[in-house]
Amino acid sequence: MIRQKYDLDADALYIRLTDRKVAYTDQVDPGTLVDFDDADRVIGIEVIHPNRPWPLGEILERFHISEQDERELRAYFPQTPQTDLPPVHPGSGLLRVAVAC
């Protein structure tokens, strides 16, 4: 079961997948770190400024994470569809909706 801890002062979220000891850490982007045990299994993810888009999809593709943990991560942190559409100005009467395929 995934546990989450948020540090309000640092604006950092730590997502703990297991209680195993951290052997090393890999930086995925400037604000996202992945911790591993000595058998190269992901044990935790740290996200600095978690309100920003962070690369959960890349983490799930690059590193082995159990199916159960992947399901929980996707449920807790659904990916927002990215779009290149220009912003709609208020009062224009248009509603833009991004559709994920």
N, C-alpha and C. Protein backbone atom coordinates (compact mmCIF):
# COMPACT_ATOMS: atom_id res chain seq x y z
N MET A 1 0.83 -1.18 0.00
CA MET A 1 0.00 0.00 0.00
C MET A 1 0.88 1.24 0.00
N ILE A 2 0.58 2.17 -0.88
CA ILE A 2 1.33 3.41 -1.01
C ILE A 2 1.00 4.36 0.15
N ARG A 3 2.05 4.98 0.67
CA ARG A 3 1.86 6.02 1.70
C ARG A 3 2.44 7.31 1.16
N GLN A 4 1.80 8.41 1.51
CA GLN A 4 2.25 9.71 1.05
C GLN A 4 2.53 10.61 2.24
N LYS A 5 3.57 11.43 2.11
CA LYS A 5 3.91 12.40 3.14
C LYS A 5 4.21 13.72 2.45
N TYR A 6 3.56 14.77 2.90
CA TYR A 6 3.76 16.09 2.30
C TYR A 6 4.44 17.00 3.31
N ASP A 7 5.52 17.65 2.89
CA ASP A 7 6.23 18.62 3.72
C ASP A 7 5.81 20.01 3.26
N LEU A 8 5.00 20.67 4.06
CA LEU A 8 4.45 21.97 3.72
C LEU A 8 5.55 23.03 3.56
N ASP A 9 6.54 23.00 4.45
CA ASP A 9 7.62 24.00 4.39
C ASP A 9 8.45 23.87 3.11
N ALA A 10 8.72 22.65 2.69
CA ALA A 10 9.54 22.42 1.50
C ALA A 10 8.71 22.30 0.23
N ASP A 11 7.38 22.24 0.36
CA ASP A 11 6.48 21.99 -0.77
C ASP A 11 6.95 20.75 -1.53
N ALA A 12 7.11 19.66 -0.75
CA ALA A 12 7.62 18.40 -1.31
C ALA A 12 6.71 17.25 -0.89
N LEU A 13 6.42 16.38 -1.85
CA LEU A 13 5.61 15.19 -1.62
C LEU A 13 6.52 13.97 -1.72
N TYR A 14 6.43 13.07 -0.73
CA TYR A 14 7.16 11.81 -0.83
C TYR A 14 6.14 10.69 -0.88
N ILE A 15 6.26 9.86 -1.91
CA ILE A 15 5.37 8.73 -2.13
C ILE A 15 6.18 7.48 -1.82
N ARG A 16 5.80 6.77 -0.77
CA ARG A 16 6.53 5.59 -0.31
C ARG A 16 5.82 4.34 -0.80
N LEU A 17 6.53 3.51 -1.58
CA LEU A 17 5.95 2.27 -2.09
C LEU A 17 6.22 1.09 -1.17
N THR A 18 7.32 1.14 -0.43
CA THR A 18 7.71 0.04 0.45
C THR A 18 8.60 0.57 1.57
N ASP A 19 8.83 -0.24 2.58
CA ASP A 19 9.67 0.17 3.71
C ASP A 19 11.13 -0.23 3.56
N ARG A 20 11.51 -0.76 2.40
CA ARG A 20 12.91 -1.14 2.20
C ARG A 20 13.81 0.09 2.29
N LYS A 21 15.07 -0.15 2.56
CA LYS A 21 16.05 0.92 2.75
C LYS A 21 16.53 1.48 1.40
N VAL A 22 16.70 2.80 1.33
CA VAL A 22 17.17 3.46 0.11
C VAL A 22 18.65 3.17 -0.10
N ALA A 23 18.98 2.68 -1.30
CA ALA A 23 20.38 2.43 -1.66
C ALA A 23 20.92 3.54 -2.55
N TYR A 24 20.08 4.05 -3.45
CA TYR A 24 20.50 5.15 -4.31
C TYR A 24 19.27 5.85 -4.88
N THR A 25 19.51 7.01 -5.47
CA THR A 25 18.44 7.86 -6.00
C THR A 25 18.77 8.26 -7.43
N ASP A 26 17.74 8.30 -8.28
CA ASP A 26 17.88 8.73 -9.68
C ASP A 26 17.01 9.97 -9.87
N GLN A 27 17.58 11.01 -10.47
CA GLN A 27 16.83 12.23 -10.75
C GLN A 27 16.18 12.12 -12.12
N VAL A 28 14.85 12.21 -12.17
CA VAL A 28 14.11 12.10 -13.43
C VAL A 28 14.01 13.46 -14.10
N ASP A 29 13.74 14.49 -13.32
CA ASP A 29 13.78 15.88 -13.80
C ASP A 29 14.21 16.73 -12.61
N PRO A 30 14.40 18.05 -12.79
CA PRO A 30 14.93 18.86 -11.69
C PRO A 30 14.13 18.81 -10.38
N GLY A 31 12.88 18.39 -10.41
CA GLY A 31 12.10 18.34 -9.18
C GLY A 31 11.52 16.98 -8.86
N THR A 32 12.00 15.92 -9.53
CA THR A 32 11.45 14.58 -9.30
C THR A 32 12.59 13.58 -9.12
N LEU A 33 12.59 12.92 -7.97
CA LEU A 33 13.63 11.96 -7.62
C LEU A 33 12.99 10.60 -7.35
N VAL A 34 13.65 9.53 -7.79
CA VAL A 34 13.16 8.18 -7.55
C VAL A 34 14.20 7.44 -6.72
N ASP A 35 13.76 6.86 -5.59
CA ASP A 35 14.64 6.10 -4.71
C ASP A 35 14.53 4.61 -5.03
N PHE A 36 15.67 3.92 -4.93
CA PHE A 36 15.76 2.49 -5.22
C PHE A 36 16.40 1.76 -4.05
N ASP A 37 16.08 0.47 -3.92
CA ASP A 37 16.78 -0.36 -2.94
C ASP A 37 18.00 -0.98 -3.60
N ASP A 38 18.70 -1.84 -2.88
CA ASP A 38 19.93 -2.42 -3.44
C ASP A 38 19.66 -3.48 -4.51
N ALA A 39 18.39 -3.83 -4.74
CA ALA A 39 18.03 -4.76 -5.82
C ALA A 39 17.41 -4.01 -7.00
N ASP A 40 17.61 -2.71 -7.05
CA ASP A 40 17.13 -1.84 -8.13
C ASP A 40 15.60 -1.75 -8.22
N ARG A 41 14.91 -1.96 -7.10
CA ARG A 41 13.45 -1.82 -7.07
C ARG A 41 13.10 -0.43 -6.57
N VAL A 42 12.10 0.18 -7.21
CA VAL A 42 11.64 1.51 -6.80
C VAL A 42 11.00 1.38 -5.42
N ILE A 43 11.45 2.25 -4.51
CA ILE A 43 10.84 2.23 -3.17
C ILE A 43 10.15 3.55 -2.83
N GLY A 44 10.47 4.61 -3.59
CA GLY A 44 9.83 5.89 -3.30
C GLY A 44 10.05 6.91 -4.40
N ILE A 45 9.17 7.90 -4.42
CA ILE A 45 9.25 8.99 -5.40
C ILE A 45 9.09 10.29 -4.63
N GLU A 46 10.02 11.22 -4.83
CA GLU A 46 9.91 12.54 -4.22
C GLU A 46 9.63 13.56 -5.31
N VAL A 47 8.62 14.39 -5.07
CA VAL A 47 8.25 15.41 -6.04
C VAL A 47 8.27 16.77 -5.34
N ILE A 48 9.16 17.64 -5.81
CA ILE A 48 9.23 19.00 -5.31
C ILE A 48 8.22 19.84 -6.09
N HIS A 49 7.43 20.63 -5.40
CA HIS A 49 6.34 21.41 -6.01
C HIS A 49 5.39 20.48 -6.76
N PRO A 50 4.68 19.61 -6.06
CA PRO A 50 3.86 18.59 -6.71
C PRO A 50 2.64 19.13 -7.46
N ASN A 51 2.34 20.42 -7.34
CA ASN A 51 1.23 20.98 -8.13
C ASN A 51 1.60 21.17 -9.59
N ARG A 52 2.87 21.10 -9.92
CA ARG A 52 3.32 21.23 -11.31
C ARG A 52 3.13 19.89 -12.02
N PRO A 53 3.12 19.89 -13.35
CA PRO A 53 3.12 18.60 -14.05
C PRO A 53 4.44 17.89 -13.77
N TRP A 54 4.37 16.67 -13.28
CA TRP A 54 5.59 15.90 -13.03
C TRP A 54 5.48 14.57 -13.77
N PRO A 55 6.61 13.96 -14.10
CA PRO A 55 6.66 12.86 -15.07
C PRO A 55 6.29 11.47 -14.53
N LEU A 56 5.10 11.31 -14.01
CA LEU A 56 4.68 9.99 -13.54
C LEU A 56 4.71 8.97 -14.68
N GLY A 57 4.21 9.35 -15.86
CA GLY A 57 4.21 8.44 -17.00
C GLY A 57 5.61 7.96 -17.35
N GLU A 58 6.56 8.86 -17.34
CA GLU A 58 7.95 8.50 -17.64
C GLU A 58 8.50 7.55 -16.57
N ILE A 59 8.18 7.82 -15.32
CA ILE A 59 8.64 6.95 -14.23
C ILE A 59 8.08 5.54 -14.42
N LEU A 60 6.79 5.45 -14.73
CA LEU A 60 6.16 4.14 -14.91
C LEU A 60 6.72 3.40 -16.13
N GLU A 61 7.15 4.13 -17.15
CA GLU A 61 7.74 3.50 -18.34
C GLU A 61 9.19 3.09 -18.11
N ARG A 62 9.96 3.92 -17.41
CA ARG A 62 11.39 3.68 -17.25
C ARG A 62 11.75 2.65 -16.19
N PHE A 63 10.96 2.60 -15.13
CA PHE A 63 11.34 1.79 -13.97
C PHE A 63 10.29 0.73 -13.68
N HIS A 64 10.74 -0.42 -13.16
CA HIS A 64 9.80 -1.49 -12.82
C HIS A 64 9.07 -1.13 -11.53
N ILE A 65 7.76 -1.06 -11.63
CA ILE A 65 6.89 -0.82 -10.48
C ILE A 65 5.80 -1.88 -10.56
N SER A 66 5.44 -2.46 -9.43
CA SER A 66 4.44 -3.54 -9.44
C SER A 66 3.12 -3.03 -10.02
N GLU A 67 2.34 -3.95 -10.56
CA GLU A 67 1.05 -3.57 -11.15
C GLU A 67 0.14 -2.91 -10.12
N GLN A 68 0.13 -3.44 -8.89
CA GLN A 68 -0.70 -2.86 -7.83
C GLN A 68 -0.27 -1.42 -7.54
N ASP A 69 1.04 -1.19 -7.39
CA ASP A 69 1.53 0.16 -7.11
C ASP A 69 1.25 1.10 -8.29
N GLU A 70 1.40 0.59 -9.51
CA GLU A 70 1.11 1.41 -10.69
C GLU A 70 -0.37 1.82 -10.70
N ARG A 71 -1.26 0.89 -10.41
CA ARG A 71 -2.69 1.22 -10.36
C ARG A 71 -2.98 2.29 -9.32
N GLU A 72 -2.37 2.14 -8.14
CA GLU A 72 -2.58 3.14 -7.08
C GLU A 72 -2.01 4.50 -7.48
N LEU A 73 -0.81 4.52 -8.06
CA LEU A 73 -0.22 5.78 -8.48
C LEU A 73 -1.10 6.48 -9.52
N ARG A 74 -1.60 5.72 -10.49
CA ARG A 74 -2.47 6.30 -11.52
C ARG A 74 -3.78 6.81 -10.92
N ALA A 75 -4.29 6.12 -9.90
CA ALA A 75 -5.53 6.56 -9.25
C ALA A 75 -5.31 7.83 -8.43
N TYR A 76 -4.21 7.88 -7.70
CA TYR A 76 -3.91 9.07 -6.89
C TYR A 76 -3.51 10.27 -7.73
N PHE A 77 -2.80 10.01 -8.82
CA PHE A 77 -2.23 11.09 -9.63
C PHE A 77 -2.59 10.90 -11.10
N PRO A 78 -3.86 11.12 -11.46
CA PRO A 78 -4.24 10.96 -12.87
C PRO A 78 -3.49 11.98 -13.73
N GLN A 79 -3.07 11.53 -14.89
CA GLN A 79 -2.33 12.40 -15.80
C GLN A 79 -3.29 13.34 -16.51
N THR A 80 -2.94 14.60 -16.57
CA THR A 80 -3.74 15.59 -17.26
C THR A 80 -3.34 15.59 -18.72
N PRO A 81 -4.30 15.50 -19.65
CA PRO A 81 -3.94 15.55 -21.06
C PRO A 81 -3.25 16.87 -21.40
N GLN A 82 -2.18 16.80 -22.14
CA GLN A 82 -1.47 18.00 -22.57
C GLN A 82 -2.06 18.45 -23.90
N THR A 83 -2.14 19.74 -24.09
CA THR A 83 -2.69 20.27 -25.33
C THR A 83 -1.91 21.49 -25.76
N ASP A 84 -1.85 21.71 -27.05
CA ASP A 84 -1.17 22.89 -27.59
C ASP A 84 -2.18 23.94 -28.04
N LEU A 85 -3.43 23.78 -27.63
CA LEU A 85 -4.44 24.74 -28.03
C LEU A 85 -4.20 26.09 -27.36
N PRO A 86 -4.40 27.18 -28.10
CA PRO A 86 -4.25 28.49 -27.46
C PRO A 86 -5.37 28.70 -26.45
N PRO A 87 -5.15 29.55 -25.45
CA PRO A 87 -6.19 29.78 -24.45
C PRO A 87 -7.41 30.46 -25.06
N VAL A 88 -8.55 30.16 -24.48
CA VAL A 88 -9.79 30.80 -24.89
C VAL A 88 -10.01 31.98 -23.97
N HIS A 89 -10.32 33.12 -24.53
CA HIS A 89 -10.53 34.32 -23.73
C HIS A 89 -11.92 34.28 -23.10
N PRO A 90 -12.01 34.66 -21.82
CA PRO A 90 -13.32 34.69 -21.16
C PRO A 90 -14.31 35.53 -21.94
N GLY A 91 -15.53 35.08 -21.99
CA GLY A 91 -16.58 35.84 -22.68
C GLY A 91 -16.65 35.56 -24.16
N SER A 92 -15.79 34.68 -24.69
CA SER A 92 -15.80 34.40 -26.13
C SER A 92 -16.93 33.46 -26.50
N GLY A 93 -17.53 32.80 -25.49
CA GLY A 93 -18.59 31.86 -25.78
C GLY A 93 -18.09 30.49 -26.20
N LEU A 94 -16.77 30.29 -26.23
CA LEU A 94 -16.20 29.01 -26.63
C LEU A 94 -15.79 28.20 -25.41
N LEU A 95 -15.94 26.93 -25.52
CA LEU A 95 -15.50 26.02 -24.48
C LEU A 95 -14.57 25.02 -25.13
N ARG A 96 -13.30 24.98 -24.70
CA ARG A 96 -12.33 24.05 -25.27
C ARG A 96 -12.22 22.86 -24.35
N VAL A 97 -12.26 21.69 -24.92
CA VAL A 97 -12.14 20.45 -24.16
C VAL A 97 -11.04 19.61 -24.80
N ALA A 98 -10.07 19.18 -23.99
CA ALA A 98 -9.02 18.28 -24.46
C ALA A 98 -9.51 16.86 -24.30
N VAL A 99 -9.39 16.07 -25.34
CA VAL A 99 -9.85 14.69 -25.32
C VAL A 99 -8.65 13.78 -25.42
N ALA A 100 -8.52 12.88 -24.46
CA ALA A 100 -7.43 11.90 -24.48
C ALA A 100 -7.90 10.69 -25.28
N CYS A 101 -7.05 10.23 -26.18
CA CYS A 101 -7.40 9.06 -27.00
C CYS A 101 -6.74 7.82 -26.47
